[in-house]
Full PDB file with SEQRES, HELIX, SHEET, SSBOND, CRYST1, ORIGX, SCALE, CONECT and MASTER records, all heavy atoms in Angstrom:
SEQRES   1 A   42  ASN LYS VAL VAL GLN LEU ARG ARG ALA LEU LYS GLN VAL          
SEQRES   2 A   42  ILE GLY VAL PRO ASP TYR GLU VAL TYR LEU ALA ARG HIS          
SEQRES   3 A   42  LYS VAL ILE HIS PRO ASP VAL PRO PRO MET GLY GLU ALA          
SEQRES   4 A   42  GLU PHE PHE                                                  
HELIX    1 AA1 LYS A    2  ILE A   14  1                                  13    
HELIX    2 AA2 TYR A   19  ILE A   29  1                                  11    
HELIX    3 AA3 GLU A   38  PHE A   41  1                                   4    
CRYST1    1.000    1.000    1.000  90.00  90.00  90.00 P 1           1          
ORIGX1      1.000000  0.000000  0.000000        0.00000                         
ORIGX2      0.000000  1.000000  0.000000        0.00000                         
ORIGX3      0.000000  0.000000  1.000000        0.00000                         
SCALE1      1.000000  0.000000  0.000000        0.00000                         
SCALE2      0.000000  1.000000  0.000000        0.00000                         
SCALE3      0.000000  0.000000  1.000000        0.00000                         
ATOM      1  N   ASN A   1       0.829  -1.212   0.000  1.00  0.00           N  
ATOM      2  CA  ASN A   1       0.000   0.000   0.000  1.00  0.00           C  
ATOM      3  C   ASN A   1       0.860   1.257   0.000  1.00  0.00           C  
ATOM      4  O   ASN A   1       0.546   2.233  -0.682  1.00  0.00           O  
ATOM      5  CB  ASN A   1      -0.953   0.009   1.184  1.00  0.00           C  
ATOM      6  CG  ASN A   1      -2.063  -1.008   1.040  1.00  0.00           C  
ATOM      7  OD1 ASN A   1      -2.364  -1.473  -0.052  1.00  0.00           O  
ATOM      8  ND2 ASN A   1      -2.667  -1.375   2.161  1.00  0.00           N  
ATOM      9  N   LYS A   2       1.942   1.236   0.768  1.00  0.00           N  
ATOM     10  CA  LYS A   2       2.848   2.393   0.813  1.00  0.00           C  
ATOM     11  C   LYS A   2       3.519   2.601  -0.539  1.00  0.00           C  
ATOM     12  O   LYS A   2       3.681   3.737  -0.988  1.00  0.00           O  
ATOM     13  CB  LYS A   2       3.916   2.213   1.907  1.00  0.00           C  
ATOM     14  CG  LYS A   2       3.367   2.266   3.299  1.00  0.00           C  
ATOM     15  CD  LYS A   2       2.824   3.642   3.609  1.00  0.00           C  
ATOM     16  CE  LYS A   2       2.324   3.701   5.028  1.00  0.00           C  
ATOM     17  NZ  LYS A   2       1.637   4.940   5.325  1.00  0.00           N  
ATOM     18  N   VAL A   3       3.897   1.519  -1.203  1.00  0.00           N  
ATOM     19  CA  VAL A   3       4.524   1.629  -2.518  1.00  0.00           C  
ATOM     20  C   VAL A   3       3.534   2.214  -3.525  1.00  0.00           C  
ATOM     21  O   VAL A   3       3.892   3.074  -4.334  1.00  0.00           O  
ATOM     22  CB  VAL A   3       5.060   0.260  -2.993  1.00  0.00           C  
ATOM     23  CG1 VAL A   3       5.484   0.301  -4.451  1.00  0.00           C  
ATOM     24  CG2 VAL A   3       6.212  -0.195  -2.111  1.00  0.00           C  
ATOM     25  N   VAL A   4       2.287   1.774  -3.472  1.00  0.00           N  
ATOM     26  CA  VAL A   4       1.255   2.306  -4.362  1.00  0.00           C  
ATOM     27  C   VAL A   4       1.046   3.795  -4.097  1.00  0.00           C  
ATOM     28  O   VAL A   4       0.947   4.603  -5.026  1.00  0.00           O  
ATOM     29  CB  VAL A   4      -0.065   1.513  -4.204  1.00  0.00           C  
ATOM     30  CG1 VAL A   4      -1.216   2.215  -4.890  1.00  0.00           C  
ATOM     31  CG2 VAL A   4       0.104   0.103  -4.741  1.00  0.00           C  
ATOM     32  N   GLN A   5       1.006   4.189  -2.825  1.00  0.00           N  
ATOM     33  CA  GLN A   5       0.839   5.600  -2.471  1.00  0.00           C  
ATOM     34  C   GLN A   5       2.034   6.432  -2.945  1.00  0.00           C  
ATOM     35  O   GLN A   5       1.862   7.548  -3.457  1.00  0.00           O  
ATOM     36  CB  GLN A   5       0.674   5.757  -0.964  1.00  0.00           C  
ATOM     37  CG  GLN A   5      -0.641   5.243  -0.435  1.00  0.00           C  
ATOM     38  CD  GLN A   5      -0.699   5.269   1.089  1.00  0.00           C  
ATOM     39  OE1 GLN A   5       0.266   5.633   1.753  1.00  0.00           O  
ATOM     40  NE2 GLN A   5      -1.826   4.866   1.643  1.00  0.00           N  
ATOM     41  N   LEU A   6       3.234   5.894  -2.774  1.00  0.00           N  
ATOM     42  CA  LEU A   6       4.441   6.599  -3.208  1.00  0.00           C  
ATOM     43  C   LEU A   6       4.448   6.768  -4.721  1.00  0.00           C  
ATOM     44  O   LEU A   6       4.752   7.849  -5.231  1.00  0.00           O  
ATOM     45  CB  LEU A   6       5.691   5.835  -2.762  1.00  0.00           C  
ATOM     46  CG  LEU A   6       7.024   6.420  -3.202  1.00  0.00           C  
ATOM     47  CD1 LEU A   6       7.223   7.804  -2.600  1.00  0.00           C  
ATOM     48  CD2 LEU A   6       8.161   5.493  -2.806  1.00  0.00           C  
ATOM     49  N   ARG A   7       4.065   5.734  -5.427  1.00  0.00           N  
ATOM     50  CA  ARG A   7       4.002   5.802  -6.895  1.00  0.00           C  
ATOM     51  C   ARG A   7       2.992   6.865  -7.333  1.00  0.00           C  
ATOM     52  O   ARG A   7       3.268   7.666  -8.225  1.00  0.00           O  
ATOM     53  CB  ARG A   7       3.615   4.445  -7.449  1.00  0.00           C  
ATOM     54  CG  ARG A   7       3.566   4.391  -8.948  1.00  0.00           C  
ATOM     55  CD  ARG A   7       3.346   2.948  -9.410  1.00  0.00           C  
ATOM     56  NE  ARG A   7       3.323   2.895 -10.845  1.00  0.00           N  
ATOM     57  CZ  ARG A   7       2.227   2.733 -11.566  1.00  0.00           C  
ATOM     58  NH1 ARG A   7       1.054   2.595 -10.976  1.00  0.00           N  
ATOM     59  NH2 ARG A   7       2.287   2.693 -12.872  1.00  0.00           N  
ATOM     60  N   ARG A   8       1.835   6.884  -6.699  1.00  0.00           N  
ATOM     61  CA  ARG A   8       0.811   7.878  -7.040  1.00  0.00           C  
ATOM     62  C   ARG A   8       1.317   9.299  -6.753  1.00  0.00           C  
ATOM     63  O   ARG A   8       1.108  10.213  -7.542  1.00  0.00           O  
ATOM     64  CB  ARG A   8      -0.471   7.593  -6.261  1.00  0.00           C  
ATOM     65  CG  ARG A   8      -1.610   8.521  -6.639  1.00  0.00           C  
ATOM     66  CD  ARG A   8      -2.908   8.122  -5.998  1.00  0.00           C  
ATOM     67  NE  ARG A   8      -3.371   6.880  -6.593  1.00  0.00           N  
ATOM     68  CZ  ARG A   8      -3.976   5.904  -5.935  1.00  0.00           C  
ATOM     69  NH1 ARG A   8      -4.209   6.029  -4.649  1.00  0.00           N  
ATOM     70  NH2 ARG A   8      -4.363   4.811  -6.552  1.00  0.00           N  
ATOM     71  N   ALA A   9       2.001   9.482  -5.624  1.00  0.00           N  
ATOM     72  CA  ALA A   9       2.523  10.805  -5.268  1.00  0.00           C  
ATOM     73  C   ALA A   9       3.589  11.254  -6.267  1.00  0.00           C  
ATOM     74  O   ALA A   9       3.596  12.423  -6.689  1.00  0.00           O  
ATOM     75  CB  ALA A   9       3.099  10.781  -3.854  1.00  0.00           C  
ATOM     76  N   LEU A  10       4.477  10.358  -6.652  1.00  0.00           N  
ATOM     77  CA  LEU A  10       5.513  10.712  -7.620  1.00  0.00           C  
ATOM     78  C   LEU A  10       4.906  11.073  -8.974  1.00  0.00           C  
ATOM     79  O   LEU A  10       5.361  12.006  -9.633  1.00  0.00           O  
ATOM     80  CB  LEU A  10       6.511   9.557  -7.785  1.00  0.00           C  
ATOM     81  CG  LEU A  10       7.463   9.343  -6.623  1.00  0.00           C  
ATOM     82  CD1 LEU A  10       8.298   8.082  -6.830  1.00  0.00           C  
ATOM     83  CD2 LEU A  10       8.367  10.548  -6.437  1.00  0.00           C  
ATOM     84  N   LYS A  11       3.871  10.355  -9.374  1.00  0.00           N  
ATOM     85  CA  LYS A  11       3.200  10.670 -10.632  1.00  0.00           C  
ATOM     86  C   LYS A  11       2.567  12.059 -10.563  1.00  0.00           C  
ATOM     87  O   LYS A  11       2.590  12.807 -11.547  1.00  0.00           O  
ATOM     88  CB  LYS A  11       2.145   9.613 -10.951  1.00  0.00           C  
ATOM     89  CG  LYS A  11       2.754   8.301 -11.423  1.00  0.00           C  
ATOM     90  CD  LYS A  11       1.738   7.203 -11.537  1.00  0.00           C  
ATOM     91  CE  LYS A  11       0.820   7.395 -12.708  1.00  0.00           C  
ATOM     92  NZ  LYS A  11      -0.092   6.265 -12.914  1.00  0.00           N  
ATOM     93  N   GLN A  12       2.023  12.436  -9.414  1.00  0.00           N  
ATOM     94  CA  GLN A  12       1.427  13.759  -9.266  1.00  0.00           C  
ATOM     95  C   GLN A  12       2.499  14.844  -9.317  1.00  0.00           C  
ATOM     96  O   GLN A  12       2.289  15.904  -9.901  1.00  0.00           O  
ATOM     97  CB  GLN A  12       0.648  13.862  -7.963  1.00  0.00           C  
ATOM     98  CG  GLN A  12      -0.655  13.106  -7.991  1.00  0.00           C  
ATOM     99  CD  GLN A  12      -1.391  13.202  -6.653  1.00  0.00           C  
ATOM    100  OE1 GLN A  12      -0.829  13.591  -5.638  1.00  0.00           O  
ATOM    101  NE2 GLN A  12      -2.659  12.826  -6.668  1.00  0.00           N  
ATOM    102  N   VAL A  13       3.645  14.571  -8.705  1.00  0.00           N  
ATOM    103  CA  VAL A  13       4.725  15.556  -8.676  1.00  0.00           C  
ATOM    104  C   VAL A  13       5.232  15.853 -10.084  1.00  0.00           C  
ATOM    105  O   VAL A  13       5.465  17.010 -10.437  1.00  0.00           O  
ATOM    106  CB  VAL A  13       5.887  15.071  -7.776  1.00  0.00           C  
ATOM    107  CG1 VAL A  13       7.134  15.900  -7.974  1.00  0.00           C  
ATOM    108  CG2 VAL A  13       5.466  15.096  -6.314  1.00  0.00           C  
ATOM    109  N   ILE A  14       5.379  14.819 -10.907  1.00  0.00           N  
ATOM    110  CA  ILE A  14       5.905  15.044 -12.250  1.00  0.00           C  
ATOM    111  C   ILE A  14       4.807  15.346 -13.266  1.00  0.00           C  
ATOM    112  O   ILE A  14       5.079  15.602 -14.427  1.00  0.00           O  
ATOM    113  CB  ILE A  14       6.767  13.866 -12.736  1.00  0.00           C  
ATOM    114  CG1 ILE A  14       5.960  12.573 -12.812  1.00  0.00           C  
ATOM    115  CG2 ILE A  14       7.979  13.709 -11.863  1.00  0.00           C  
ATOM    116  CD1 ILE A  14       6.720  11.417 -13.433  1.00  0.00           C  
ATOM    117  N   GLY A  15       3.546  15.316 -12.838  1.00  0.00           N  
ATOM    118  CA  GLY A  15       2.453  15.734 -13.699  1.00  0.00           C  
ATOM    119  C   GLY A  15       1.838  14.660 -14.566  1.00  0.00           C  
ATOM    120  O   GLY A  15       1.216  14.961 -15.569  1.00  0.00           O  
ATOM    121  N   VAL A  16       2.005  13.395 -14.207  1.00  0.00           N  
ATOM    122  CA  VAL A  16       1.402  12.309 -14.969  1.00  0.00           C  
ATOM    123  C   VAL A  16      -0.053  12.171 -14.527  1.00  0.00           C  
ATOM    124  O   VAL A  16      -0.337  12.065 -13.340  1.00  0.00           O  
ATOM    125  CB  VAL A  16       2.156  10.978 -14.731  1.00  0.00           C  
ATOM    126  CG1 VAL A  16       1.467   9.829 -15.428  1.00  0.00           C  
ATOM    127  CG2 VAL A  16       3.592  11.097 -15.182  1.00  0.00           C  
ATOM    128  N   PRO A  17      -0.993  12.190 -15.474  1.00  0.00           N  
ATOM    129  CA  PRO A  17      -2.409  12.076 -15.103  1.00  0.00           C  
ATOM    130  C   PRO A  17      -2.728  10.679 -14.565  1.00  0.00           C  
ATOM    131  O   PRO A  17      -2.096   9.696 -14.950  1.00  0.00           O  
ATOM    132  CB  PRO A  17      -3.144  12.348 -16.411  1.00  0.00           C  
ATOM    133  CG  PRO A  17      -2.160  12.067 -17.484  1.00  0.00           C  
ATOM    134  CD  PRO A  17      -0.806  12.339 -16.906  1.00  0.00           C  
ATOM    135  N   ASP A  18      -3.684  10.598 -13.663  1.00  0.00           N  
ATOM    136  CA  ASP A  18      -4.061   9.342 -13.019  1.00  0.00           C  
ATOM    137  C   ASP A  18      -5.339   8.796 -13.652  1.00  0.00           C  
ATOM    138  O   ASP A  18      -6.417   9.356 -13.470  1.00  0.00           O  
ATOM    139  CB  ASP A  18      -4.256   9.577 -11.519  1.00  0.00           C  
ATOM    140  CG  ASP A  18      -4.301   8.290 -10.729  1.00  0.00           C  
ATOM    141  OD1 ASP A  18      -4.517   7.216 -11.334  1.00  0.00           O  
ATOM    142  OD2 ASP A  18      -4.125   8.355  -9.510  1.00  0.00           O  
ATOM    143  N   TYR A  19      -5.213   7.711 -14.394  1.00  0.00           N  
ATOM    144  CA  TYR A  19      -6.343   7.139 -15.121  1.00  0.00           C  
ATOM    145  C   TYR A  19      -7.413   6.608 -14.173  1.00  0.00           C  
ATOM    146  O   TYR A  19      -8.606   6.742 -14.438  1.00  0.00           O  
ATOM    147  CB  TYR A  19      -5.850   6.034 -16.051  1.00  0.00           C  
ATOM    148  CG  TYR A  19      -6.925   5.446 -16.925  1.00  0.00           C  
ATOM    149  CD1 TYR A  19      -7.541   6.212 -17.916  1.00  0.00           C  
ATOM    150  CD2 TYR A  19      -7.330   4.132 -16.778  1.00  0.00           C  
ATOM    151  CE1 TYR A  19      -8.527   5.688 -18.726  1.00  0.00           C  
ATOM    152  CE2 TYR A  19      -8.321   3.594 -17.581  1.00  0.00           C  
ATOM    153  CZ  TYR A  19      -8.911   4.373 -18.554  1.00  0.00           C  
ATOM    154  OH  TYR A  19      -9.898   3.840 -19.352  1.00  0.00           O  
ATOM    155  N   GLU A  20      -7.014   6.015 -13.047  1.00  0.00           N  
ATOM    156  CA  GLU A  20      -7.986   5.479 -12.096  1.00  0.00           C  
ATOM    157  C   GLU A  20      -8.847   6.586 -11.498  1.00  0.00           C  
ATOM    158  O   GLU A  20     -10.047   6.417 -11.304  1.00  0.00           O  
ATOM    159  CB  GLU A  20      -7.290   4.680 -10.986  1.00  0.00           C  
ATOM    160  CG  GLU A  20      -6.686   3.371 -11.445  1.00  0.00           C  
ATOM    161  CD  GLU A  20      -5.360   3.542 -12.153  1.00  0.00           C  
ATOM    162  OE1 GLU A  20      -4.680   4.575 -11.932  1.00  0.00           O  
ATOM    163  OE2 GLU A  20      -5.012   2.661 -12.948  1.00  0.00           O  
ATOM    164  N   VAL A  21      -8.235   7.726 -11.215  1.00  0.00           N  
ATOM    165  CA  VAL A  21      -8.989   8.878 -10.694  1.00  0.00           C  
ATOM    166  C   VAL A  21      -9.968   9.368 -11.758  1.00  0.00           C  
ATOM    167  O   VAL A  21     -11.121   9.683 -11.464  1.00  0.00           O  
ATOM    168  CB  VAL A  21      -8.039  10.005 -10.247  1.00  0.00           C  
ATOM    169  CG1 VAL A  21      -8.802  11.277  -9.927  1.00  0.00           C  
ATOM    170  CG2 VAL A  21      -7.218   9.565  -9.053  1.00  0.00           C  
ATOM    171  N   TYR A  22      -9.502   9.412 -13.006  1.00  0.00           N  
ATOM    172  CA  TYR A  22     -10.389   9.809 -14.103  1.00  0.00           C  
ATOM    173  C   TYR A  22     -11.593   8.884 -14.191  1.00  0.00           C  
ATOM    174  O   TYR A  22     -12.734   9.336 -14.336  1.00  0.00           O  
ATOM    175  CB  TYR A  22      -9.617   9.812 -15.430  1.00  0.00           C  
ATOM    176  CG  TYR A  22     -10.516   9.721 -16.637  1.00  0.00           C  
ATOM    177  CD1 TYR A  22     -11.277  10.805 -17.054  1.00  0.00           C  
ATOM    178  CD2 TYR A  22     -10.623   8.532 -17.364  1.00  0.00           C  
ATOM    179  CE1 TYR A  22     -12.118  10.716 -18.150  1.00  0.00           C  
ATOM    180  CE2 TYR A  22     -11.458   8.435 -18.462  1.00  0.00           C  
ATOM    181  CZ  TYR A  22     -12.201   9.531 -18.848  1.00  0.00           C  
ATOM    182  OH  TYR A  22     -13.042   9.429 -19.928  1.00  0.00           O  
ATOM    183  N   LEU A  23     -11.364   7.571 -14.125  1.00  0.00           N  
ATOM    184  CA  LEU A  23     -12.470   6.615 -14.230  1.00  0.00           C  
ATOM    185  C   LEU A  23     -13.489   6.810 -13.111  1.00  0.00           C  
ATOM    186  O   LEU A  23     -14.696   6.798 -13.352  1.00  0.00           O  
ATOM    187  CB  LEU A  23     -11.940   5.183 -14.218  1.00  0.00           C  
ATOM    188  CG  LEU A  23     -11.226   4.719 -15.474  1.00  0.00           C  
ATOM    189  CD1 LEU A  23     -10.687   3.302 -15.271  1.00  0.00           C  
ATOM    190  CD2 LEU A  23     -12.126   4.796 -16.682  1.00  0.00           C  
ATOM    191  N   ALA A  24     -12.997   6.980 -11.879  1.00  0.00           N  
ATOM    192  CA  ALA A  24     -13.905   7.164 -10.747  1.00  0.00           C  
ATOM    193  C   ALA A  24     -14.714   8.455 -10.906  1.00  0.00           C  
ATOM    194  O   ALA A  24     -15.931   8.465 -10.681  1.00  0.00           O  
ATOM    195  CB  ALA A  24     -13.113   7.181  -9.444  1.00  0.00           C  
ATOM    196  N   ARG A  25     -14.055   9.517 -11.296  1.00  0.00           N  
ATOM    197  CA  ARG A  25     -14.743  10.796 -11.458  1.00  0.00           C  
ATOM    198  C   ARG A  25     -15.726  10.747 -12.628  1.00  0.00           C  
ATOM    199  O   ARG A  25     -16.839  11.259 -12.538  1.00  0.00           O  
ATOM    200  CB  ARG A  25     -13.705  11.899 -11.671  1.00  0.00           C  
ATOM    201  CG  ARG A  25     -14.271  13.265 -11.759  1.00  0.00           C  
ATOM    202  CD  ARG A  25     -13.139  14.273 -11.878  1.00  0.00           C  
ATOM    203  NE  ARG A  25     -13.635  15.545 -12.338  1.00  0.00           N  
ATOM    204  CZ  ARG A  25     -13.917  16.573 -11.541  1.00  0.00           C  
ATOM    205  NH1 ARG A  25     -13.733  16.457 -10.251  1.00  0.00           N  
ATOM    206  NH2 ARG A  25     -14.356  17.690 -12.038  1.00  0.00           N  
ATOM    207  N   HIS A  26     -15.322  10.117 -13.712  1.00  0.00           N  
ATOM    208  CA  HIS A  26     -16.179  10.007 -14.892  1.00  0.00           C  
ATOM    209  C   HIS A  26     -17.443   9.211 -14.573  1.00  0.00           C  
ATOM    210  O   HIS A  26     -18.538   9.553 -15.027  1.00  0.00           O  
ATOM    211  CB  HIS A  26     -15.411   9.346 -16.039  1.00  0.00           C  
ATOM    212  CG  HIS A  26     -16.149   9.354 -17.324  1.00  0.00           C  
ATOM    213  ND1 HIS A  26     -17.066   8.392 -17.660  1.00  0.00           N  
ATOM    214  CD2 HIS A  26     -16.124  10.220 -18.365  1.00  0.00           C  
ATOM    215  CE1 HIS A  26     -17.566   8.663 -18.847  1.00  0.00           C  
ATOM    216  NE2 HIS A  26     -17.008   9.769 -19.300  1.00  0.00           N  
ATOM    217  N   LYS A  27     -17.295   8.171 -13.781  1.00  0.00           N  
ATOM    218  CA  LYS A  27     -18.443   7.341 -13.394  1.00  0.00           C  
ATOM    219  C   LYS A  27     -19.476   8.148 -12.612  1.00  0.00           C  
ATOM    220  O   LYS A  27     -20.678   7.956 -12.764  1.00  0.00           O  
ATOM    221  CB  LYS A  27     -17.962   6.149 -12.571  1.00  0.00           C  
ATOM    222  CG  LYS A  27     -19.024   5.157 -12.250  1.00  0.00           C  
ATOM    223  CD  LYS A  27     -18.435   3.967 -11.509  1.00  0.00           C  
ATOM    224  CE  LYS A  27     -19.496   2.940 -11.206  1.00  0.00           C  
ATOM    225  NZ  LYS A  27     -18.946   1.776 -10.520  1.00  0.00           N  
ATOM    226  N   VAL A  28     -19.006   9.072 -11.779  1.00  0.00           N  
ATOM    227  CA  VAL A  28     -19.905   9.896 -10.974  1.00  0.00           C  
ATOM    228  C   VAL A  28     -20.552  11.004 -11.819  1.00  0.00           C  
ATOM    229  O   VAL A  28     -21.756  11.228 -11.735  1.00  0.00           O  
ATOM    230  CB  VAL A  28     -19.141  10.523  -9.784  1.00  0.00           C  
ATOM    231  CG1 VAL A  28     -19.978  11.562  -9.070  1.00  0.00           C  
ATOM    232  CG2 VAL A  28     -18.695   9.436  -8.819  1.00  0.00           C  
ATOM    233  N   ILE A  29     -19.747  11.667 -12.643  1.00  0.00           N  
ATOM    234  CA  ILE A  29     -20.233  12.826 -13.388  1.00  0.00           C  
ATOM    235  C   ILE A  29     -21.012  12.435 -14.643  1.00  0.00           C  
ATOM    236  O   ILE A  29     -22.031  13.037 -14.956  1.00  0.00           O  
ATOM    237  CB  ILE A  29     -19.053  13.749 -13.749  1.00  0.00           C  
ATOM    238  CG1 ILE A  29     -18.435  14.303 -12.469  1.00  0.00           C  
ATOM    239  CG2 ILE A  29     -19.510  14.897 -14.646  1.00  0.00           C  
ATOM    240  CD1 ILE A  29     -17.166  15.080 -12.679  1.00  0.00           C  
ATOM    241  N   HIS A  30     -20.519  11.432 -15.362  1.00  0.00           N  
ATOM    242  CA  HIS A  30     -21.131  11.023 -16.635  1.00  0.00           C  
ATOM    243  C   HIS A  30     -21.403   9.518 -16.640  1.00  0.00           C  
ATOM    244  O   HIS A  30     -20.773   8.775 -17.392  1.00  0.00           O  
ATOM    245  CB  HIS A  30     -20.206  11.360 -17.811  1.00  0.00           C  
ATOM    246  CG  HIS A  30     -19.765  12.781 -17.870  1.00  0.00           C  
ATOM    247  ND1 HIS A  30     -20.621  13.800 -18.219  1.00  0.00           N  
ATOM    248  CD2 HIS A  30     -18.569  13.363 -17.630  1.00  0.00           C  
ATOM    249  CE1 HIS A  30     -19.959  14.947 -18.194  1.00  0.00           C  
ATOM    250  NE2 HIS A  30     -18.714  14.708 -17.829  1.00  0.00           N  
ATOM    251  N   PRO A  31     -22.329   9.037 -15.829  1.00  0.00           N  
ATOM    252  CA  PRO A  31     -22.538   7.587 -15.739  1.00  0.00           C  
ATOM    253  C   PRO A  31     -23.072   6.955 -17.023  1.00  0.00           C  
ATOM    254  O   PRO A  31     -22.873   5.765 -17.250  1.00  0.00           O  
ATOM    255  CB  PRO A  31     -23.543   7.434 -14.604  1.00  0.00           C  
ATOM    256  CG  PRO A  31     -24.230   8.748 -14.513  1.00  0.00           C  
ATOM    257  CD  PRO A  31     -23.240   9.769 -14.960  1.00  0.00           C  
ATOM    258  N   ASP A  32     -23.706   7.741 -17.880  1.00  0.00           N  
ATOM    259  CA  ASP A  32     -24.304   7.187 -19.097  1.00  0.00           C  
ATOM    260  C   ASP A  32     -23.368   7.243 -20.310  1.00  0.00           C  
ATOM    261  O   ASP A  32     -23.693   6.702 -21.358  1.00  0.00           O  
ATOM    262  CB  ASP A  32     -25.603   7.921 -19.426  1.00  0.00           C  
ATOM    263  CG  ASP A  32     -25.413   9.421 -19.523  1.00  0.00           C  
ATOM    264  OD1 ASP A  32     -24.469   9.942 -18.904  1.00  0.00           O  
ATOM    265  OD2 ASP A  32     -26.219  10.084 -20.206  1.00  0.00           O  
ATOM    266  N   VAL A  33     -22.201   7.860 -20.179  1.00  0.00           N  
ATOM    267  CA  VAL A  33     -21.252   7.994 -21.279  1.00  0.00           C  
ATOM    268  C   VAL A  33     -20.067   7.059 -21.026  1.00  0.00           C  
ATOM    269  O   VAL A  33     -19.501   7.067 -19.931  1.00  0.00           O  
ATOM    270  CB  VAL A  33     -20.745   9.460 -21.382  1.00  0.00           C  
ATOM    271  CG1 VAL A  33     -19.729   9.605 -22.486  1.00  0.00           C  
ATOM    272  CG2 VAL A  33     -21.908  10.412 -21.556  1.00  0.00           C  
ATOM    273  N   PRO A  34     -19.677   6.246 -22.028  1.00  0.00           N  
ATOM    274  CA  PRO A  34     -18.523   5.365 -21.814  1.00  0.00           C  
ATOM    275  C   PRO A  34     -17.234   6.178 -21.677  1.00  0.00           C  
ATOM    276  O   PRO A  34     -17.046   7.168 -22.398  1.00  0.00           O  
ATOM    277  CB  PRO A  34     -18.486   4.489 -23.065  1.00  0.00           C  
ATOM    278  CG  PRO A  34     -19.317   5.171 -24.070  1.00  0.00           C  
ATOM    279  CD  PRO A  34     -20.284   6.060 -23.338  1.00  0.00           C  
ATOM    280  N   PRO A  35     -16.347   5.803 -20.764  1.00  0.00           N  
ATOM    281  CA  PRO A  35     -15.104   6.554 -20.567  1.00  0.00           C  
ATOM    282  C   PRO A  35     -14.111   6.299 -21.698  1.00  0.00           C  
ATOM    283  O   PRO A  35     -14.227   5.330 -22.446  1.00  0.00           O  
ATOM    284  CB  PRO A  35     -14.564   6.016 -19.238  1.00  0.00           C  
ATOM    285  CG  PRO A  35     -15.116   4.646 -19.150  1.00  0.00           C  
ATOM    286  CD  PRO A  35     -16.464   4.696 -19.817  1.00  0.00           C  
ATOM    287  N   MET A  36     -13.126   7.167 -21.802  1.00  0.00           N  
ATOM    288  CA  MET A  36     -12.048   6.986 -22.773  1.00  0.00           C  
ATOM    289  C   MET A  36     -11.223   5.777 -22.372  1.00  0.00           C  
ATOM    290  O   MET A  36     -11.120   5.454 -21.179  1.00  0.00           O  
ATOM    291  CB  MET A  36     -11.117   8.203 -22.775  1.00  0.00           C  
ATOM    292  CG  MET A  36     -11.697   9.455 -23.343  1.00  0.00           C  
ATOM    293  SD  MET A  36     -10.468  10.781 -23.413  1.00  0.00           S  
ATOM    294  CE  MET A  36     -10.772  11.585 -21.845  1.00  0.00           C  
ATOM    295  N   GLY A  37     -10.607   5.167 -23.341  1.00  0.00           N  
ATOM    296  CA  GLY A  37      -9.651   4.109 -23.053  1.00  0.00           C  
ATOM    297  C   GLY A  37      -8.397   4.719 -22.444  1.00  0.00           C  
ATOM    298  O   GLY A  37      -8.187   5.942 -22.503  1.00  0.00           O  
ATOM    299  N   GLU A  38      -7.543   3.889 -21.876  1.00  0.00           N  
ATOM    300  CA  GLU A  38      -6.357   4.409 -21.196  1.00  0.00           C  
ATOM    301  C   GLU A  38      -5.433   5.159 -22.158  1.00  0.00           C  
ATOM    302  O   GLU A  38      -4.957   6.256 -21.845  1.00  0.00           O  
ATOM    303  CB  GLU A  38      -5.606   3.268 -20.511  1.00  0.00           C  
ATOM    304  CG  GLU A  38      -4.546   3.738 -19.561  1.00  0.00           C  
ATOM    305  CD  GLU A  38      -4.014   2.633 -18.680  1.00  0.00           C  
ATOM    306  OE1 GLU A  38      -4.432   1.473 -18.809  1.00  0.00           O  
ATOM    307  OE2 GLU A  38      -3.153   2.943 -17.836  1.00  0.00           O  
ATOM    308  N   ALA A  39      -5.185   4.594 -23.340  1.00  0.00           N  
ATOM    309  CA  ALA A  39      -4.306   5.259 -24.310  1.00  0.00           C  
ATOM    310  C   ALA A  39      -4.920   6.579 -24.772  1.00  0.00           C  
ATOM    311  O   ALA A  39      -4.222   7.599 -24.881  1.00  0.00           O  
ATOM    312  CB  ALA A  39      -4.044   4.337 -25.496  1.00  0.00           C  
ATOM    313  N   GLU A  40      -6.212   6.575 -25.028  1.00  0.00           N  
ATOM    314  CA  GLU A  40      -6.899   7.793 -25.457  1.00  0.00           C  
ATOM    315  C   GLU A  40      -6.861   8.862 -24.362  1.00  0.00           C  
ATOM    316  O   GLU A  40      -6.656  10.052 -24.634  1.00  0.00           O  
ATOM    317  CB  GLU A  40      -8.348   7.454 -25.814  1.00  0.00           C  
ATOM    318  CG  GLU A  40      -9.134   8.611 -26.359  1.00  0.00           C  
ATOM    319  CD  GLU A  40     -10.582   8.235 -26.650  1.00  0.00           C  
ATOM    320  OE1 GLU A  40     -11.008   7.101 -26.347  1.00  0.00           O  
ATOM    321  OE2 GLU A  40     -11.294   9.108 -27.173  1.00  0.00           O  
ATOM    322  N   PHE A  41      -7.015   8.432 -23.102  1.00  0.00           N  
ATOM    323  CA  PHE A  41      -6.961   9.361 -21.970  1.00  0.00           C  
ATOM    324  C   PHE A  41      -5.597  10.031 -21.871  1.00  0.00           C  
ATOM    325  O   PHE A  41      -5.501  11.254 -21.709  1.00  0.00           O  
ATOM    326  CB  PHE A  41      -7.278   8.628 -20.667  1.00  0.00           C  
ATOM    327  CG  PHE A  41      -6.976   9.424 -19.435  1.00  0.00           C  
ATOM    328  CD1 PHE A  41      -7.799  10.468 -19.046  1.00  0.00           C  
ATOM    329  CD2 PHE A  41      -5.864   9.141 -18.666  1.00  0.00           C  
ATOM    330  CE1 PHE A  41      -7.521  11.218 -17.906  1.00  0.00           C  
ATOM    331  CE2 PHE A  41      -5.583   9.877 -17.527  1.00  0.00           C  
ATOM    332  CZ  PHE A  41      -6.411  10.913 -17.155  1.00  0.00           C  
ATOM    333  N   PHE A  42      -4.516   9.250 -21.988  1.00  0.00           N  
ATOM    334  CA  PHE A  42      -3.180   9.834 -21.871  1.00  0.00           C  
ATOM    335  C   PHE A  42      -2.882  10.759 -23.047  1.00  0.00           C  
ATOM    336  O   PHE A  42      -2.267  11.810 -22.879  1.00  0.00           O  
ATOM    337  CB  PHE A  42      -2.117   8.749 -21.727  1.00  0.00           C  
ATOM    338  CG  PHE A  42      -2.059   8.190 -20.338  1.00  0.00           C  
ATOM    339  CD1 PHE A  42      -2.491   6.908 -20.069  1.00  0.00           C  
ATOM    340  CD2 PHE A  42      -1.607   8.955 -19.279  1.00  0.00           C  
ATOM    341  CE1 PHE A  42      -2.466   6.394 -18.792  1.00  0.00           C  
ATOM    342  CE2 PHE A  42      -1.584   8.456 -17.984  1.00  0.00           C  
ATOM    343  CZ  PHE A  42      -2.005   7.174 -17.736  1.00  0.00           C  
TER     344      PHE A  42                                                      
MASTER        0    0    0    3    0    0    0    6  343    1    0    4          
END                                                                             
């Protein structure tokens, strides 16, 4: 869990977008629209 948290923090520091966060947010905001694929999101 600590390694996962560290990886997420490092990605935020260098500005890499988080696909899992996008999916969770997209599900709440646009439940009827299919989300982008991972490659399309990046």
